[in-house]
């Protein structure tokens, strides 16, 4: 058991370094990574079957691009959820969460390709049908 402790500590330290190394992923040059808590999602609006716009709080809007078509987004009776992979984790990258649709008891998990925080100008330019 005492031999395993250095390996466990090394694994924990390596895992703690991953978020710092990935901090620039998906961010424009000069921008830090933008994160949000899934509990602060206040509205979700699908844009076709491969993109979802998510309002976080009052002002922030994120565009979620999906890797493949998510058929549940087409249904008017859908419920869309943003669920973190691990409990208590903020959403900072596509690897941090699962986007899922629930339609009449059928759950479909949709693979996320990327997530982008929109600027206030980009949010203002969204057509009404795409605003969360």
C-alpha atoms as a PDB file:
ATOM      1  CA  UNK A   1       0.000   0.000   0.000  1.00  0.00           C
ATOM      2  CA  UNK A   2       2.757   2.478   0.899  1.00  0.00           C
ATOM      3  CA  UNK A   3       4.377   1.897  -2.532  1.00  0.00           C
ATOM      4  CA  UNK A   4       1.164   2.954  -4.282  1.00  0.00           C
ATOM      5  CA  UNK A   5       0.958   6.339  -2.544  1.00  0.00           C
ATOM      6  CA  UNK A   6       3.660   8.072  -4.658  1.00  0.00           C
ATOM      7  CA  UNK A   7       1.918   6.840  -7.823  1.00  0.00           C
ATOM      8  CA  UNK A   8      -1.465   8.078  -6.620  1.00  0.00           C
ATOM      9  CA  UNK A   9       0.005  11.479  -5.728  1.00  0.00           C
ATOM     10  CA  UNK A  10       1.746  11.680  -9.123  1.00  0.00           C
ATOM     11  CA  UNK A  11      -1.508  10.813 -10.906  1.00  0.00           C
ATOM     12  CA  UNK A  12      -3.405  13.447  -8.943  1.00  0.00           C
ATOM     13  CA  UNK A  13      -0.789  16.089  -9.699  1.00  0.00           C
ATOM     14  CA  UNK A  14      -0.811  15.181 -13.394  1.00  0.00           C
ATOM     15  CA  UNK A  15      -4.609  15.398 -13.442  1.00  0.00           C
ATOM     16  CA  UNK A  16      -4.526  18.799 -11.732  1.00  0.00           C
ATOM     17  CA  UNK A  17      -2.138  20.085 -14.400  1.00  0.00           C
ATOM     18  CA  UNK A  18      -4.461  19.108 -17.270  1.00  0.00           C
ATOM     19  CA  UNK A  19      -6.943  21.984 -16.875  1.00  0.00           C
ATOM     20  CA  UNK A  20      -4.098  24.513 -16.821  1.00  0.00           C
ATOM     21  CA  UNK A  21      -2.570  23.021 -19.968  1.00  0.00           C
ATOM     22  CA  UNK A  22      -5.941  22.968 -21.743  1.00  0.00           C
ATOM     23  CA  UNK A  23      -6.871  26.473 -20.690  1.00  0.00           C
ATOM     24  CA  UNK A  24      -6.353  27.968 -24.119  1.00  0.00           C
ATOM     25  CA  UNK A  25      -8.341  25.318 -26.003  1.00  0.00           C
ATOM     26  CA  UNK A  26     -11.213  26.791 -27.961  1.00  0.00           C
ATOM     27  CA  UNK A  27     -10.402  30.364 -26.967  1.00  0.00           C
ATOM     28  CA  UNK A  28      -9.411  33.113 -29.338  1.00  0.00           C
ATOM     29  CA  UNK A  29      -5.865  34.476 -29.014  1.00  0.00           C
ATOM     30  CA  UNK A  30      -5.619  36.706 -25.970  1.00  0.00           C
ATOM     31  CA  UNK A  31      -8.785  35.336 -24.368  1.00  0.00           C
ATOM     32  CA  UNK A  32      -8.887  33.133 -21.295  1.00  0.00           C
ATOM     33  CA  UNK A  33     -11.085  30.079 -21.170  1.00  0.00           C
ATOM     34  CA  UNK A  34     -14.714  30.870 -20.330  1.00  0.00           C
ATOM     35  CA  UNK A  35     -16.512  28.518 -17.954  1.00  0.00           C
ATOM     36  CA  UNK A  36     -20.030  28.284 -16.540  1.00  0.00           C
ATOM     37  CA  UNK A  37     -21.984  26.164 -14.133  1.00  0.00           C
ATOM     38  CA  UNK A  38     -24.741  24.040 -15.706  1.00  0.00           C
ATOM     39  CA  UNK A  39     -27.010  25.085 -12.832  1.00  0.00           C
ATOM     40  CA  UNK A  40     -26.891  28.653 -14.212  1.00  0.00           C
ATOM     41  CA  UNK A  41     -28.317  27.688 -17.634  1.00  0.00           C
ATOM     42  CA  UNK A  42     -31.505  29.721 -17.993  1.00  0.00           C
ATOM     43  CA  UNK A  43     -32.556  28.969 -21.608  1.00  0.00           C
ATOM     44  CA  UNK A  44     -31.649  26.655 -24.471  1.00  0.00           C
ATOM     45  CA  UNK A  45     -32.461  27.150 -28.166  1.00  0.00           C
ATOM     46  CA  UNK A  46     -31.619  24.557 -30.832  1.00  0.00           C
ATOM     47  CA  UNK A  47     -30.458  25.811 -34.227  1.00  0.00           C
ATOM     48  CA  UNK A  48     -31.109  22.906 -36.562  1.00  0.00           C
ATOM     49  CA  UNK A  49     -29.939  19.490 -35.393  1.00  0.00           C
ATOM     50  CA  UNK A  50     -26.208  20.234 -34.969  1.00  0.00           C
ATOM     51  CA  UNK A  51     -26.106  23.432 -32.894  1.00  0.00           C
ATOM     52  CA  UNK A  52     -27.611  24.739 -29.662  1.00  0.00           C
ATOM     53  CA  UNK A  53     -27.427  28.235 -28.205  1.00  0.00           C
ATOM     54  CA  UNK A  54     -27.445  28.320 -24.403  1.00  0.00           C
ATOM     55  CA  UNK A  55     -28.133  31.342 -22.200  1.00  0.00           C
ATOM     56  CA  UNK A  56     -26.265  31.318 -18.907  1.00  0.00           C
ATOM     57  CA  UNK A  57     -27.570  33.757 -16.337  1.00  0.00           C
ATOM     58  CA  UNK A  58     -28.917  36.956 -17.859  1.00  0.00           C
ATOM     59  CA  UNK A  59     -26.268  38.049 -20.375  1.00  0.00           C
ATOM     60  CA  UNK A  60     -23.971  35.235 -21.430  1.00  0.00           C
ATOM     61  CA  UNK A  61     -24.733  33.080 -24.485  1.00  0.00           C
ATOM     62  CA  UNK A  62     -22.708  30.052 -25.591  1.00  0.00           C
ATOM     63  CA  UNK A  63     -22.908  28.242 -28.937  1.00  0.00           C
ATOM     64  CA  UNK A  64     -22.589  24.482 -28.669  1.00  0.00           C
ATOM     65  CA  UNK A  65     -21.640  22.737 -31.908  1.00  0.00           C
ATOM     66  CA  UNK A  66     -22.390  19.029 -32.048  1.00  0.00           C
ATOM     67  CA  UNK A  67     -20.211  16.394 -33.697  1.00  0.00           C
ATOM     68  CA  UNK A  68     -23.199  14.703 -35.333  1.00  0.00           C
ATOM     69  CA  UNK A  69     -26.877  15.389 -35.903  1.00  0.00           C
ATOM     70  CA  UNK A  70     -28.940  15.121 -32.736  1.00  0.00           C
ATOM     71  CA  UNK A  71     -32.389  13.926 -33.810  1.00  0.00           C
ATOM     72  CA  UNK A  72     -34.074  14.859 -30.531  1.00  0.00           C
ATOM     73  CA  UNK A  73     -33.473  18.557 -31.257  1.00  0.00           C
ATOM     74  CA  UNK A  74     -36.076  18.397 -34.058  1.00  0.00           C
ATOM     75  CA  UNK A  75     -38.944  17.445 -31.768  1.00  0.00           C
ATOM     76  CA  UNK A  76     -41.120  20.263 -30.395  1.00  0.00           C
ATOM     77  CA  UNK A  77     -41.762  18.157 -27.230  1.00  0.00           C
ATOM     78  CA  UNK A  78     -38.074  17.897 -26.376  1.00  0.00           C
ATOM     79  CA  UNK A  79     -36.369  18.663 -23.092  1.00  0.00           C
ATOM     80  CA  UNK A  80     -32.706  19.631 -23.480  1.00  0.00           C
ATOM     81  CA  UNK A  81     -30.271  19.238 -20.602  1.00  0.00           C
ATOM     82  CA  UNK A  82     -26.657  20.254 -20.084  1.00  0.00           C
ATOM     83  CA  UNK A  83     -25.154  17.787 -17.605  1.00  0.00           C
ATOM     84  CA  UNK A  84     -21.552  17.905 -16.378  1.00  0.00           C
ATOM     85  CA  UNK A  85     -19.529  14.704 -16.748  1.00  0.00           C
ATOM     86  CA  UNK A  86     -18.459  14.872 -13.083  1.00  0.00           C
ATOM     87  CA  UNK A  87     -20.416  16.266 -10.155  1.00  0.00           C
ATOM     88  CA  UNK A  88     -19.670  19.879  -9.307  1.00  0.00           C
ATOM     89  CA  UNK A  89     -17.658  20.502 -12.480  1.00  0.00           C
ATOM     90  CA  UNK A  90     -17.995  23.687 -14.481  1.00  0.00           C
ATOM     91  CA  UNK A  91     -18.403  23.547 -18.246  1.00  0.00           C
ATOM     92  CA  UNK A  92     -15.212  24.895 -19.816  1.00  0.00           C
ATOM     93  CA  UNK A  93     -14.786  22.649 -22.858  1.00  0.00           C
ATOM     94  CA  UNK A  94     -16.671  20.092 -24.917  1.00  0.00           C
ATOM     95  CA  UNK A  95     -15.183  17.296 -22.793  1.00  0.00           C
ATOM     96  CA  UNK A  96     -16.759  18.632 -19.578  1.00  0.00           C
ATOM     97  CA  UNK A  97     -20.415  17.902 -20.284  1.00  0.00           C
ATOM     98  CA  UNK A  98     -23.083  15.964 -22.117  1.00  0.00           C
ATOM     99  CA  UNK A  99     -25.903  17.588 -24.057  1.00  0.00           C
ATOM    100  CA  UNK A 100     -28.957  15.355 -23.971  1.00  0.00           C
ATOM    101  CA  UNK A 101     -32.497  15.469 -25.294  1.00  0.00           C
ATOM    102  CA  UNK A 102     -35.470  13.749 -23.725  1.00  0.00           C
ATOM    103  CA  UNK A 103     -38.448  13.137 -26.016  1.00  0.00           C
ATOM    104  CA  UNK A 104     -41.391  11.111 -24.667  1.00  0.00           C
ATOM    105  CA  UNK A 105     -39.136   9.175 -22.279  1.00  0.00           C
ATOM    106  CA  UNK A 106     -36.445   8.471 -24.890  1.00  0.00           C
ATOM    107  CA  UNK A 107     -33.066   9.990 -24.004  1.00  0.00           C
ATOM    108  CA  UNK A 108     -30.471  10.785 -26.645  1.00  0.00           C
ATOM    109  CA  UNK A 109     -26.993  11.938 -25.647  1.00  0.00           C
ATOM    110  CA  UNK A 110     -25.399  14.144 -28.291  1.00  0.00           C
ATOM    111  CA  UNK A 111     -21.637  14.317 -28.808  1.00  0.00           C
ATOM    112  CA  UNK A 112     -20.329  17.869 -28.358  1.00  0.00           C
ATOM    113  CA  UNK A 113     -17.641  19.051 -30.757  1.00  0.00           C
ATOM    114  CA  UNK A 114     -17.026  22.565 -29.430  1.00  0.00           C
ATOM    115  CA  UNK A 115     -18.384  25.318 -27.223  1.00  0.00           C
ATOM    116  CA  UNK A 116     -17.909  29.035 -27.858  1.00  0.00           C
ATOM    117  CA  UNK A 117     -18.887  32.008 -25.723  1.00  0.00           C
ATOM    118  CA  UNK A 118     -20.500  34.596 -27.981  1.00  0.00           C
ATOM    119  CA  UNK A 119     -19.551  38.252 -27.750  1.00  0.00           C
ATOM    120  CA  UNK A 120     -22.285  40.824 -27.040  1.00  0.00           C
ATOM    121  CA  UNK A 121     -22.168  41.823 -30.747  1.00  0.00           C
ATOM    122  CA  UNK A 122     -22.612  38.204 -31.832  1.00  0.00           C
ATOM    123  CA  UNK A 123     -25.555  37.797 -29.445  1.00  0.00           C
ATOM    124  CA  UNK A 124     -27.164  40.992 -30.775  1.00  0.00           C
ATOM    125  CA  UNK A 125     -26.764  39.699 -34.346  1.00  0.00           C
ATOM    126  CA  UNK A 126     -28.610  36.423 -33.640  1.00  0.00           C
ATOM    127  CA  UNK A 127     -31.985  36.134 -35.371  1.00  0.00           C
ATOM    128  CA  UNK A 128     -34.897  35.943 -32.902  1.00  0.00           C
ATOM    129  CA  UNK A 129     -35.500  32.245 -33.692  1.00  0.00           C
ATOM    130  CA  UNK A 130     -31.917  31.427 -32.577  1.00  0.00           C
ATOM    131  CA  UNK A 131     -31.947  33.393 -29.305  1.00  0.00           C
ATOM    132  CA  UNK A 132     -32.151  31.329 -26.149  1.00  0.00           C
END
